[in-house]
Protein backbone atom coordinates (compact mmCIF):
# COMPACT_ATOMS: atom_id res chain seq x y z
CA MET A 1 116.47 -74.39 59.14
CA ALA A 2 118.33 -77.04 61.71
CA GLU A 3 116.09 -80.07 61.63
CA SER A 4 114.37 -79.62 65.20
CA HIS A 5 112.10 -83.02 67.19
CA HIS A 6 110.39 -80.06 68.15
CA ALA A 7 106.46 -79.36 67.66
CA SER A 8 107.19 -76.11 69.08
CA ARG A 9 109.21 -73.47 70.26
CA ALA A 10 110.01 -70.27 71.26
CA VAL A 11 110.14 -67.16 68.72
CA PRO A 12 113.25 -66.31 67.17
CA PRO A 13 115.55 -64.75 69.24
CA ASP A 14 117.21 -61.49 68.46
CA ARG A 15 120.91 -61.58 68.30
CA SER A 16 121.07 -59.09 70.97
CA ARG A 17 119.86 -61.97 73.62
CA ARG A 18 122.96 -64.18 72.60
CA ASP A 19 124.73 -62.78 76.12
CA GLU A 20 121.58 -64.06 77.46
CA TRP A 21 121.39 -67.73 76.02
CA ALA A 22 125.32 -67.63 77.20
CA ARG A 23 124.14 -66.76 80.20
CA PHE A 24 121.86 -69.19 80.45
CA TRP A 25 123.12 -72.39 78.70
CA ALA A 26 126.76 -71.57 79.35
CA PRO A 27 126.37 -74.30 82.51
CA ARG A 28 124.79 -77.00 80.23
CA HIS A 29 127.07 -76.81 77.63
CA ASP A 30 127.63 -80.39 77.67
CA ALA A 31 124.62 -81.99 77.45
CA VAL A 32 124.48 -83.48 73.94
CA VAL A 33 122.81 -85.81 72.02
CA THR A 34 123.98 -89.08 69.31
CA ARG A 35 121.39 -89.57 66.90
CA ASP A 36 120.60 -93.11 66.03
CA ASP A 37 122.18 -91.59 62.49
CA GLY A 38 125.25 -90.44 63.95
CA ALA A 39 124.40 -86.44 64.45
CA VAL A 40 125.37 -84.29 67.04
CA LEU A 41 122.36 -82.68 68.35
CA GLY A 42 122.56 -79.96 71.16
CA ALA A 43 119.98 -79.99 73.37
CA SER A 44 117.75 -78.12 71.84
CA GLY A 45 117.45 -80.76 69.43
CA LEU A 46 119.51 -78.20 66.32
CA LYS A 47 121.88 -80.59 63.99
CA LEU A 48 125.22 -78.84 65.42
CA PRO A 49 128.65 -79.28 63.09
CA SER A 50 130.68 -82.28 64.22
CA ARG A 51 133.12 -80.84 66.57
CA GLU A 52 131.47 -79.96 69.45
CA LEU A 53 130.60 -76.32 70.00
CA ARG A 54 130.31 -75.00 73.76
CA GLY A 55 129.54 -71.86 76.00
CA PRO A 56 128.83 -68.89 73.64
CA GLU A 57 129.94 -70.29 70.29
CA ARG A 58 127.02 -72.71 71.07
CA CYS A 59 124.86 -69.27 71.32
CA ASP A 60 126.00 -67.89 68.04
CA HIS A 61 124.86 -71.43 66.48
CA TRP A 62 121.31 -70.92 67.60
CA ALA A 63 121.16 -67.21 66.73
CA GLN A 64 122.34 -67.95 62.97
CA ALA A 65 119.18 -71.25 62.94
CA GLY A 66 117.03 -67.99 64.22
CA THR A 67 116.06 -70.66 66.62
CA GLU A 68 116.51 -71.69 70.37
CA PRO A 69 116.02 -74.17 72.91
CA SER A 70 112.49 -75.10 73.86
CA VAL A 71 111.33 -74.60 77.41
CA GLU A 72 110.01 -77.65 77.33
CA LEU A 73 113.12 -79.38 76.86
CA GLU A 74 114.91 -77.32 78.58
CA SER A 75 113.11 -77.80 81.87
CA GLN A 76 113.56 -81.55 81.38
CA LEU A 77 116.79 -80.24 81.39
CA HIS A 78 117.32 -78.70 83.87
CA ASP A 79 115.83 -81.00 85.99
CA ARG A 80 116.67 -84.59 85.37
CA PRO A 81 120.08 -83.95 82.63
CA SER A 82 120.75 -87.61 82.73
CA ALA A 83 116.98 -88.73 82.04
CA LEU A 84 115.95 -86.89 78.80
CA SER A 85 114.99 -89.45 76.51
CA LEU A 86 113.32 -87.58 72.91
CA PRO A 87 113.08 -89.56 69.58
CA GLY A 88 115.24 -90.56 67.30
CA ARG A 89 117.58 -90.28 70.36
CA THR A 90 119.85 -93.03 71.84
CA ARG A 91 122.09 -91.87 74.71
CA ILE A 92 123.18 -88.38 76.19
CA ARG A 93 126.99 -87.02 75.98
CA GLU A 94 127.63 -86.32 80.13
CA PRO A 95 130.82 -84.35 80.71
CA GLY A 96 133.45 -86.26 81.56
CA PRO A 97 133.23 -88.68 84.37
CA PRO A 98 132.72 -87.31 88.13
CA ALA A 99 135.01 -86.20 90.36
CA PRO A 100 136.58 -88.63 92.99
CA PRO A 101 134.19 -88.13 96.41
CA GLN A 102 135.79 -85.79 98.60
CA PRO A 103 136.53 -87.77 101.69
CA ALA A 104 134.83 -87.33 104.64
CA GLU A 105 135.28 -85.53 107.31
CA PRO A 106 137.71 -87.09 109.88
CA ARG A 107 135.64 -86.39 113.55
CA ALA A 108 133.79 -83.17 114.94
CA VAL A 109 132.06 -82.83 111.41
CA ARG A 110 128.56 -80.55 112.90
CA ASP A 111 125.55 -82.71 111.87
CA GLY A 112 121.87 -81.19 113.80
CA GLY A 113 124.39 -79.80 116.79
CA LEU A 114 125.75 -83.39 117.71
CA MET A 115 129.04 -84.22 116.56
CA GLU A 116 131.30 -87.93 115.85
CA ARG A 117 133.70 -87.29 118.21
CA LEU A 118 136.03 -89.11 119.19
CA GLU A 119 135.53 -92.67 121.21
CA SER A 120 135.33 -91.58 125.13
CA SER A 121 133.22 -92.43 128.25
CA VAL A 122 132.24 -88.75 129.22
CA PRO A 123 130.32 -86.58 127.24
CA TYR A 124 132.13 -83.31 126.04
CA GLY A 125 132.44 -79.97 127.43
CA THR A 126 131.51 -76.67 125.97
CA ALA A 127 133.08 -73.46 126.65
CA VAL A 128 131.90 -70.00 126.82
CA SER A 129 133.82 -67.06 126.82
CA ALA A 130 133.62 -63.05 127.32
CA GLY A 131 136.91 -61.81 126.22
CA ASP A 132 139.79 -63.16 128.38
CA THR A 133 137.49 -65.23 130.97
CA HIS A 134 136.31 -68.49 129.93
CA THR A 135 133.24 -70.56 131.36
CA LEU A 136 133.60 -74.30 130.69
CA ARG A 137 130.52 -76.68 131.29
CA TYR A 138 130.79 -80.72 131.56
CA GLU A 139 127.53 -82.85 132.55
CA LEU A 140 128.65 -86.06 133.62
CA ARG A 141 125.92 -89.13 135.05
CA PHE A 142 128.31 -92.10 137.06
CA PRO A 143 126.74 -95.52 137.49
CA GLN A 144 127.57 -94.66 141.69
CA GLY A 145 126.13 -93.81 144.29
CA ALA A 146 126.34 -90.14 145.26
CA GLU A 147 128.60 -90.86 148.53
CA ARG A 148 130.83 -92.90 146.07
CA VAL A 149 131.43 -89.81 143.51
CA TRP A 150 131.39 -87.11 146.65
CA GLU A 151 134.15 -88.92 147.92
CA ALA A 152 136.05 -88.81 144.66
CA VAL A 153 135.68 -85.41 144.30
CA ALA A 154 135.75 -84.09 147.75
CA THR A 155 137.86 -86.14 150.20
CA ARG A 156 141.78 -86.36 150.37
CA GLU A 157 142.22 -89.67 149.33
CA GLY A 158 139.36 -89.64 146.85
CA LEU A 159 141.27 -86.62 144.34
CA PRO A 160 144.98 -87.82 144.30
CA GLY A 161 143.34 -91.17 142.24
CA TRP A 162 142.01 -88.75 139.05
CA LEU A 163 143.03 -85.25 139.36
CA ALA A 164 145.61 -84.14 142.14
CA VAL A 165 147.32 -84.20 145.68
CA ALA A 166 145.50 -82.00 148.48
CA GLU A 167 147.30 -81.17 150.74
CA PRO A 168 146.16 -78.94 152.86
CA PHE A 169 142.50 -79.17 152.08
CA VAL A 170 140.57 -78.00 155.31
CA ARG A 171 137.40 -79.45 154.36
CA ARG A 172 134.59 -76.17 155.41
CA GLU A 173 133.99 -73.44 153.04
CA GLY A 174 136.77 -71.14 153.66
CA GLY A 175 138.75 -73.63 154.63
CA VAL A 176 141.93 -73.46 152.72
CA ILE A 177 143.83 -75.74 150.14
CA THR A 178 145.97 -76.96 147.96
CA LEU A 179 146.05 -78.78 144.76
CA ARG A 180 148.99 -80.52 143.45
CA TRP A 181 149.00 -82.20 139.83
CA GLN A 182 150.25 -84.74 138.89
CA ASN A 183 150.80 -84.95 135.29
CA THR A 184 152.97 -82.13 133.76
CA ASP A 185 153.09 -80.27 130.83
CA GLU A 186 154.90 -80.12 127.81
CA HIS A 187 157.80 -78.40 128.92
CA GLY A 188 157.24 -80.83 132.59
CA ASN A 189 156.14 -78.41 134.60
CA ALA A 190 153.27 -80.28 137.21
CA THR A 191 150.65 -77.84 138.28
CA VAL A 192 150.63 -76.34 142.33
CA ALA A 193 147.24 -73.96 142.96
CA PRO A 194 146.90 -72.94 146.65
CA GLY A 195 143.26 -71.22 147.37
CA ARG A 196 140.14 -71.93 149.06
CA VAL A 197 137.40 -73.90 149.68
CA THR A 198 134.47 -71.18 148.50
CA GLY A 199 131.42 -73.55 148.33
CA TRP A 200 131.05 -76.53 151.01
CA GLY A 201 127.68 -79.21 151.23
CA PRO A 202 128.54 -82.59 152.23
CA VAL A 203 126.65 -85.05 149.26
CA ARG A 204 125.82 -81.68 147.28
CA LEU A 205 128.33 -79.45 146.30
CA ALA A 206 132.57 -78.98 146.13
CA GLU A 207 133.51 -75.31 145.28
CA TYR A 208 137.15 -74.68 145.34
CA THR A 209 138.99 -71.67 144.28
CA VAL A 210 142.90 -72.20 143.25
CA ASP A 211 145.34 -70.18 141.59
CA VAL A 212 145.98 -71.04 137.76
CA HIS A 213 142.86 -72.85 137.36
CA GLY A 214 140.44 -70.42 138.72
CA ARG A 215 136.90 -71.73 140.39
CA MET A 216 135.86 -75.30 139.80
CA ARG A 217 132.61 -76.57 141.24
CA PHE A 218 131.00 -79.94 141.40
CA GLU A 219 127.35 -79.80 142.16
CA LEU A 220 126.34 -83.65 142.53
CA ARG A 221 122.90 -85.10 142.40
CA ASP A 222 121.76 -88.55 143.20
CA GLU A 223 119.63 -89.46 139.76
CA GLY A 224 118.10 -92.07 141.93
CA SER A 225 119.10 -96.39 141.09
CA GLU A 226 122.05 -96.12 142.08
CA ASP A 227 123.02 -93.34 139.68
CA THR A 228 124.58 -90.00 140.15
CA ARG A 229 125.07 -87.04 137.88
CA LEU A 230 128.12 -84.14 137.90
CA ARG A 231 127.76 -80.67 137.09
CA PHE A 232 130.90 -79.29 136.97
CA THR A 233 131.92 -75.47 136.42
CA ASN A 234 135.30 -73.83 135.53
CA GLU A 235 135.82 -70.18 135.43
CA PHE A 236 139.47 -69.04 134.52
CA THR A 237 140.72 -65.94 132.97
CA GLY A 238 143.26 -66.59 129.88
CA SER A 239 143.87 -67.03 126.35
CA ALA A 240 141.69 -69.16 124.04
CA ALA A 241 144.86 -71.45 123.77
CA SER A 242 144.45 -71.91 127.43
CA ARG A 243 140.97 -72.10 126.96
CA LEU A 244 141.62 -75.15 124.89
CA ASP A 245 144.13 -76.94 127.19
CA CYS A 246 141.40 -76.66 129.56
CA LEU A 247 139.10 -78.29 127.78
CA ALA A 248 140.49 -81.19 127.04
CA GLY A 249 142.98 -80.96 130.11
CA TRP A 250 139.21 -81.54 132.08
CA HIS A 251 137.96 -84.42 129.44
CA HIS A 252 140.75 -85.90 129.99
CA HIS A 253 140.89 -86.26 133.95
CA PHE A 254 137.08 -87.09 133.81
CA GLU A 255 138.03 -90.16 131.76
CA PHE A 256 140.43 -90.99 135.09
CA LEU A 257 137.76 -90.32 137.33
CA ALA A 258 135.43 -92.80 135.33
CA ASP A 259 138.47 -95.04 136.13
CA ALA A 260 138.47 -94.42 139.52
CA LEU A 261 134.99 -95.14 140.44
CA ASP A 262 135.09 -98.39 138.86
CA GLY A 263 138.02 -99.35 140.77
CA ARG A 264 140.76 -98.00 138.55
CA PRO A 265 142.89 -95.04 140.13
CA LYS A 266 145.05 -93.46 137.81
CA ASP A 267 148.69 -94.88 138.33
CA TRP A 268 150.40 -91.83 137.45
CA SER A 269 153.83 -93.28 136.51
CA THR A 270 152.27 -93.82 132.90
CA TRP A 271 150.72 -89.99 132.29
CA ASN A 272 152.08 -89.33 128.68
CA LEU A 273 150.45 -86.90 126.63
CA ASP A 274 149.23 -88.33 123.72
CA ARG A 275 145.47 -88.63 125.07
CA TRP A 276 145.26 -85.46 125.86
CA ARG A 277 147.03 -84.10 122.10
CA GLU A 278 143.90 -85.24 120.28
CA LEU A 279 141.70 -85.14 122.67
CA ARG A 280 142.73 -80.76 122.06
CA ALA A 281 142.57 -81.23 118.57
CA ASP A 282 139.02 -82.96 118.68
CA TYR A 283 137.94 -79.88 120.72
CA ALA A 284 139.78 -76.69 118.52
CA ALA A 285 138.39 -78.38 115.17
CA ALA A 286 134.54 -78.27 116.92
CA GLY A 287 134.95 -75.52 117.26
CA GLN A 288 135.60 -74.67 121.16
């Protein structure tokens, strides 16, 4: 009988249980120990041949010995194999060096609903889609008063500093409006979007429904202490790719809006697509 360091053993098994041992012990087949006298023992305390047995071979060895691992030891090995300490044993030989750590996700890693993302002066937007109809939403807060934010989103003078030239612009519900974007797409094309003012309430609500970009709704609320909350909704029809385009596009324009409110309107001669590409990739990585 192979030597053992356990007072109690499980009932000697029948060889028909070999497959059961294999399933149980194969994942642990590298957990062997070396005794002070140099003998190599299995995790059960059974003396093994000089070469290391693995998986089913080890099960055959136990079967030939007429015994199997103790339940107590199995529990220790399962819970803390690296901390196993039994009389007469000096060390545990683990299965080789650990795998190198995997690099962390660069961005957009979900963690309790939050995401580590690109540094930005404005919060990220969200998208809800029903077929080819997409609704984008942004909740923004600015340290300027409502009158100042209203001027930026609802006047002919304010809109070009962060979004588009508005000409014509009849400032009442039902009035005509044409928005002419100053930035271009990857092919050098600038959007020209004629439409109507479909919602109007000074210093509170401005809604434009235009070609290409659909319905754009700006809702302002004075938060006190000179802060203003802006809730923006954009509803349009298009492909999943266009949804990502617009998520990144609006985000970029709201960064321009934050600058414009701080007295730095966008100089469109410096426009390029680099930031938009970064934001688009970030929204895509976040599953938007």
